[in-house]
């Protein structure tokens, strides 16, 4: 068994601007009461995941840093607006808000996937679908894609009814000039994310 202290749980992501984060926080304050049984994220922990890697030894994390530093990529402009539910609205387990971007964001995610796969980290097996998870509705864990056992989930029913009567939320547009390697640490209040390396987009 590898020593747990020598392992780090890591992922690669873009951060979001403070102004957008504050708008999302106000939105959450307005709607979270309509799904009181859901697990809502803390606004300060929101990020645009490019690739989740998981537990790796510290030496491997150093290799990942070196691989990411060699990625040539341009700044990425993203608009954060709209919302949806995974896997479907009727069997919703995850409530998310949407991310719209040009080809640069998908290109960056692909470059990250290829750089890390060269280190033996498995490639993504589904298309890149950027979003910000706001709440999880409980039930089974696992990927938020539809599976045979999914049944109608009541956790988000009142929230869905409320959202229908509201204008589509628009949280703003931003340009990302860097991306980050994050460490994820489990704590009593949920996961805590710490930036451990940054990589410029220019």
Protein backbone atom coordinates (compact mmCIF):
# COMPACT_ATOMS: atom_id res chain seq x y z
CA UNK A 1 0.00 0.00 0.00
CA UNK A 2 1.47 3.40 -0.91
CA UNK A 3 1.80 5.83 1.97
CA UNK A 4 -1.32 8.04 1.89
CA UNK A 5 0.72 11.05 3.01
CA UNK A 6 2.77 10.83 -0.18
CA UNK A 7 -0.36 10.92 -2.35
CA UNK A 8 -2.12 14.03 -3.62
CA UNK A 9 -5.63 14.22 -5.10
CA UNK A 10 -5.32 16.60 -8.05
CA UNK A 11 -7.23 18.07 -10.97
CA UNK A 12 -6.70 20.73 -13.66
CA UNK A 13 -9.06 23.68 -14.01
CA UNK A 14 -9.67 27.32 -14.86
CA UNK A 15 -10.57 29.70 -12.05
CA UNK A 16 -13.49 32.10 -12.48
CA UNK A 17 -13.47 35.87 -11.96
CA UNK A 18 -14.58 37.23 -8.60
CA UNK A 19 -17.34 39.36 -10.16
CA UNK A 20 -18.87 36.24 -11.76
CA UNK A 21 -18.46 34.29 -8.52
CA UNK A 22 -20.37 37.00 -6.63
CA UNK A 23 -23.23 36.92 -9.16
CA UNK A 24 -23.42 33.14 -8.81
CA UNK A 25 -23.44 33.50 -5.03
CA UNK A 26 -26.42 35.88 -5.19
CA UNK A 27 -28.20 33.43 -7.52
CA UNK A 28 -27.53 30.57 -5.10
CA UNK A 29 -28.87 32.59 -2.18
CA UNK A 30 -32.07 33.13 -4.17
CA UNK A 31 -32.71 29.55 -5.30
CA UNK A 32 -31.06 27.12 -2.86
CA UNK A 33 -34.08 27.21 -0.52
CA UNK A 34 -36.13 25.49 -3.24
CA UNK A 35 -33.98 22.35 -2.96
CA UNK A 36 -33.15 22.17 0.76
CA UNK A 37 -32.17 18.49 0.63
CA UNK A 38 -29.57 18.98 -2.11
CA UNK A 39 -25.87 19.44 -1.34
CA UNK A 40 -25.03 22.95 -2.56
CA UNK A 41 -21.46 23.92 -3.41
CA UNK A 42 -19.63 26.81 -1.79
CA UNK A 43 -19.23 29.61 -4.36
CA UNK A 44 -15.54 29.99 -3.48
CA UNK A 45 -14.89 26.42 -4.65
CA UNK A 46 -16.32 26.88 -8.17
CA UNK A 47 -13.96 26.27 -11.10
CA UNK A 48 -14.10 25.04 -14.70
CA UNK A 49 -12.66 21.52 -14.65
CA UNK A 50 -10.45 20.65 -17.62
CA UNK A 51 -9.43 17.22 -16.31
CA UNK A 52 -9.84 15.32 -13.06
CA UNK A 53 -6.81 13.15 -12.30
CA UNK A 54 -7.31 11.76 -8.80
CA UNK A 55 -4.80 10.38 -6.28
CA UNK A 56 -1.19 10.44 -7.46
CA UNK A 57 2.21 10.16 -5.73
CA UNK A 58 4.01 13.47 -5.23
CA UNK A 59 6.68 12.48 -7.82
CA UNK A 60 3.93 11.94 -10.42
CA UNK A 61 2.41 15.34 -9.55
CA UNK A 62 5.80 16.92 -10.34
CA UNK A 63 5.79 15.14 -13.72
CA UNK A 64 2.27 16.46 -14.38
CA UNK A 65 3.45 20.02 -13.62
CA UNK A 66 6.28 19.67 -16.12
CA UNK A 67 3.95 18.26 -18.80
CA UNK A 68 1.40 21.05 -18.32
CA UNK A 69 4.04 23.77 -18.50
CA UNK A 70 4.79 22.69 -22.08
CA UNK A 71 1.24 23.20 -23.37
CA UNK A 72 1.01 26.03 -25.95
CA UNK A 73 -2.46 27.58 -25.66
CA UNK A 74 -4.19 30.90 -26.13
CA UNK A 75 -6.27 32.84 -23.58
CA UNK A 76 -9.79 31.46 -23.31
CA UNK A 77 -12.94 33.59 -23.30
CA UNK A 78 -15.96 32.04 -21.63
CA UNK A 79 -19.54 33.16 -20.98
CA UNK A 80 -21.33 31.68 -17.98
CA UNK A 81 -25.09 31.50 -18.46
CA UNK A 82 -28.08 29.18 -18.47
CA UNK A 83 -28.57 26.02 -16.42
CA UNK A 84 -29.47 22.35 -16.70
CA UNK A 85 -29.68 19.04 -14.89
CA UNK A 86 -27.71 15.79 -15.24
CA UNK A 87 -28.50 13.14 -16.37
CA UNK A 88 -32.02 14.37 -17.29
CA UNK A 89 -34.44 16.90 -15.79
CA UNK A 90 -36.78 14.11 -14.64
CA UNK A 91 -34.06 12.02 -13.00
CA UNK A 92 -31.93 14.98 -11.94
CA UNK A 93 -28.96 14.26 -9.69
CA UNK A 94 -26.88 17.35 -10.52
CA UNK A 95 -27.87 21.00 -11.05
CA UNK A 96 -25.37 22.99 -13.15
CA UNK A 97 -24.91 26.30 -14.92
CA UNK A 98 -23.65 26.47 -18.46
CA UNK A 99 -20.39 27.59 -20.00
CA UNK A 100 -20.24 28.88 -23.57
CA UNK A 101 -16.90 29.30 -25.30
CA UNK A 102 -15.20 29.26 -28.66
CA UNK A 103 -12.95 26.39 -29.78
CA UNK A 104 -10.07 27.50 -27.51
CA UNK A 105 -11.57 25.94 -24.38
CA UNK A 106 -12.12 22.51 -25.96
CA UNK A 107 -8.64 22.74 -27.53
CA UNK A 108 -7.10 23.46 -24.13
CA UNK A 109 -8.95 20.52 -22.53
CA UNK A 110 -7.75 18.26 -25.36
CA UNK A 111 -4.15 19.45 -24.99
CA UNK A 112 -4.31 18.81 -21.22
CA UNK A 113 -5.75 15.33 -21.86
CA UNK A 114 -2.98 14.49 -24.35
CA UNK A 115 -0.18 15.89 -22.16
CA UNK A 116 -1.30 13.84 -19.16
CA UNK A 117 -2.03 10.68 -21.17
CA UNK A 118 1.64 10.71 -22.19
CA UNK A 119 2.32 10.12 -18.46
CA UNK A 120 0.04 7.07 -18.36
CA UNK A 121 -3.05 8.89 -17.07
CA UNK A 122 -6.15 7.52 -18.86
CA UNK A 123 -7.70 9.74 -21.52
CA UNK A 124 -11.24 11.03 -21.09
CA UNK A 125 -13.81 8.58 -22.43
CA UNK A 126 -16.59 11.11 -23.07
CA UNK A 127 -16.76 14.46 -24.88
CA UNK A 128 -15.66 17.58 -23.02
CA UNK A 129 -18.79 19.29 -21.65
CA UNK A 130 -17.81 22.32 -19.55
CA UNK A 131 -20.18 23.37 -16.76
CA UNK A 132 -20.20 24.53 -13.14
CA UNK A 133 -21.86 22.12 -10.71
CA UNK A 134 -24.01 24.05 -8.22
CA UNK A 135 -25.76 21.21 -6.35
CA UNK A 136 -25.95 17.45 -6.09
CA UNK A 137 -29.30 15.88 -5.34
CA UNK A 138 -28.20 12.86 -3.37
CA UNK A 139 -28.93 9.30 -4.37
CA UNK A 140 -26.27 7.16 -6.00
CA UNK A 141 -22.80 8.50 -6.42
CA UNK A 142 -20.94 7.98 -9.65
CA UNK A 143 -20.88 9.81 -12.96
CA UNK A 144 -23.85 12.10 -13.62
CA UNK A 145 -24.77 10.32 -16.84
CA UNK A 146 -28.04 8.47 -17.29
CA UNK A 147 -28.05 4.83 -16.27
CA UNK A 148 -30.66 2.09 -16.21
CA UNK A 149 -31.50 2.42 -12.52
CA UNK A 150 -32.30 6.14 -12.64
CA UNK A 151 -35.74 7.08 -11.34
CA UNK A 152 -37.52 10.43 -11.03
CA UNK A 153 -35.71 12.49 -8.40
CA UNK A 154 -37.87 14.81 -6.28
CA UNK A 155 -34.93 16.73 -4.78
CA UNK A 156 -34.95 19.33 -7.54
CA UNK A 157 -38.66 19.40 -8.41
CA UNK A 158 -39.54 22.67 -6.63
CA UNK A 159 -36.35 24.30 -7.91
CA UNK A 160 -37.23 23.31 -11.49
CA UNK A 161 -40.74 24.73 -11.12
CA UNK A 162 -39.32 28.01 -9.77
CA UNK A 163 -36.66 28.36 -12.48
CA UNK A 164 -39.25 28.07 -15.27
CA UNK A 165 -40.70 31.42 -14.19
CA UNK A 166 -37.36 33.23 -14.01
CA UNK A 167 -35.29 34.77 -16.83
CA UNK A 168 -32.34 32.67 -17.99
CA UNK A 169 -29.49 33.57 -15.63
CA UNK A 170 -26.47 35.28 -17.19
CA UNK A 171 -23.43 35.57 -14.92
CA UNK A 172 -21.11 37.38 -17.33
CA UNK A 173 -18.11 36.84 -19.62
CA UNK A 174 -14.45 36.55 -18.69
CA UNK A 175 -11.08 35.86 -20.29
CA UNK A 176 -8.84 33.27 -18.63
CA UNK A 177 -5.12 34.00 -19.00
CA UNK A 178 -3.93 31.00 -17.00
CA UNK A 179 -5.03 27.58 -15.82
CA UNK A 180 -4.15 25.74 -12.65
CA UNK A 181 -3.24 22.42 -11.10
CA UNK A 182 -5.35 22.10 -7.96
CA UNK A 183 -5.06 19.86 -4.93
CA UNK A 184 -8.36 18.61 -3.49
CA UNK A 185 -8.44 17.85 0.23
CA UNK A 186 -11.49 16.40 1.95
CA UNK A 187 -12.56 18.27 5.08
CA UNK A 188 -15.66 18.32 7.30
CA UNK A 189 -17.22 21.18 5.35
CA UNK A 190 -16.62 19.45 2.00
CA UNK A 191 -13.64 19.43 -0.36
CA UNK A 192 -11.08 22.22 -0.07
CA UNK A 193 -9.24 23.20 -3.27
CA UNK A 194 -5.74 24.68 -3.29
CA UNK A 195 -3.85 25.93 -6.37
CA UNK A 196 -0.45 24.25 -6.44
CA UNK A 197 0.78 25.43 -9.87
CA UNK A 198 -0.29 27.91 -12.56
CA UNK A 199 0.29 27.83 -16.32
CA UNK A 200 0.02 30.90 -18.54
CA UNK A 201 -2.26 31.11 -21.59
CA UNK A 202 -0.75 33.60 -24.05
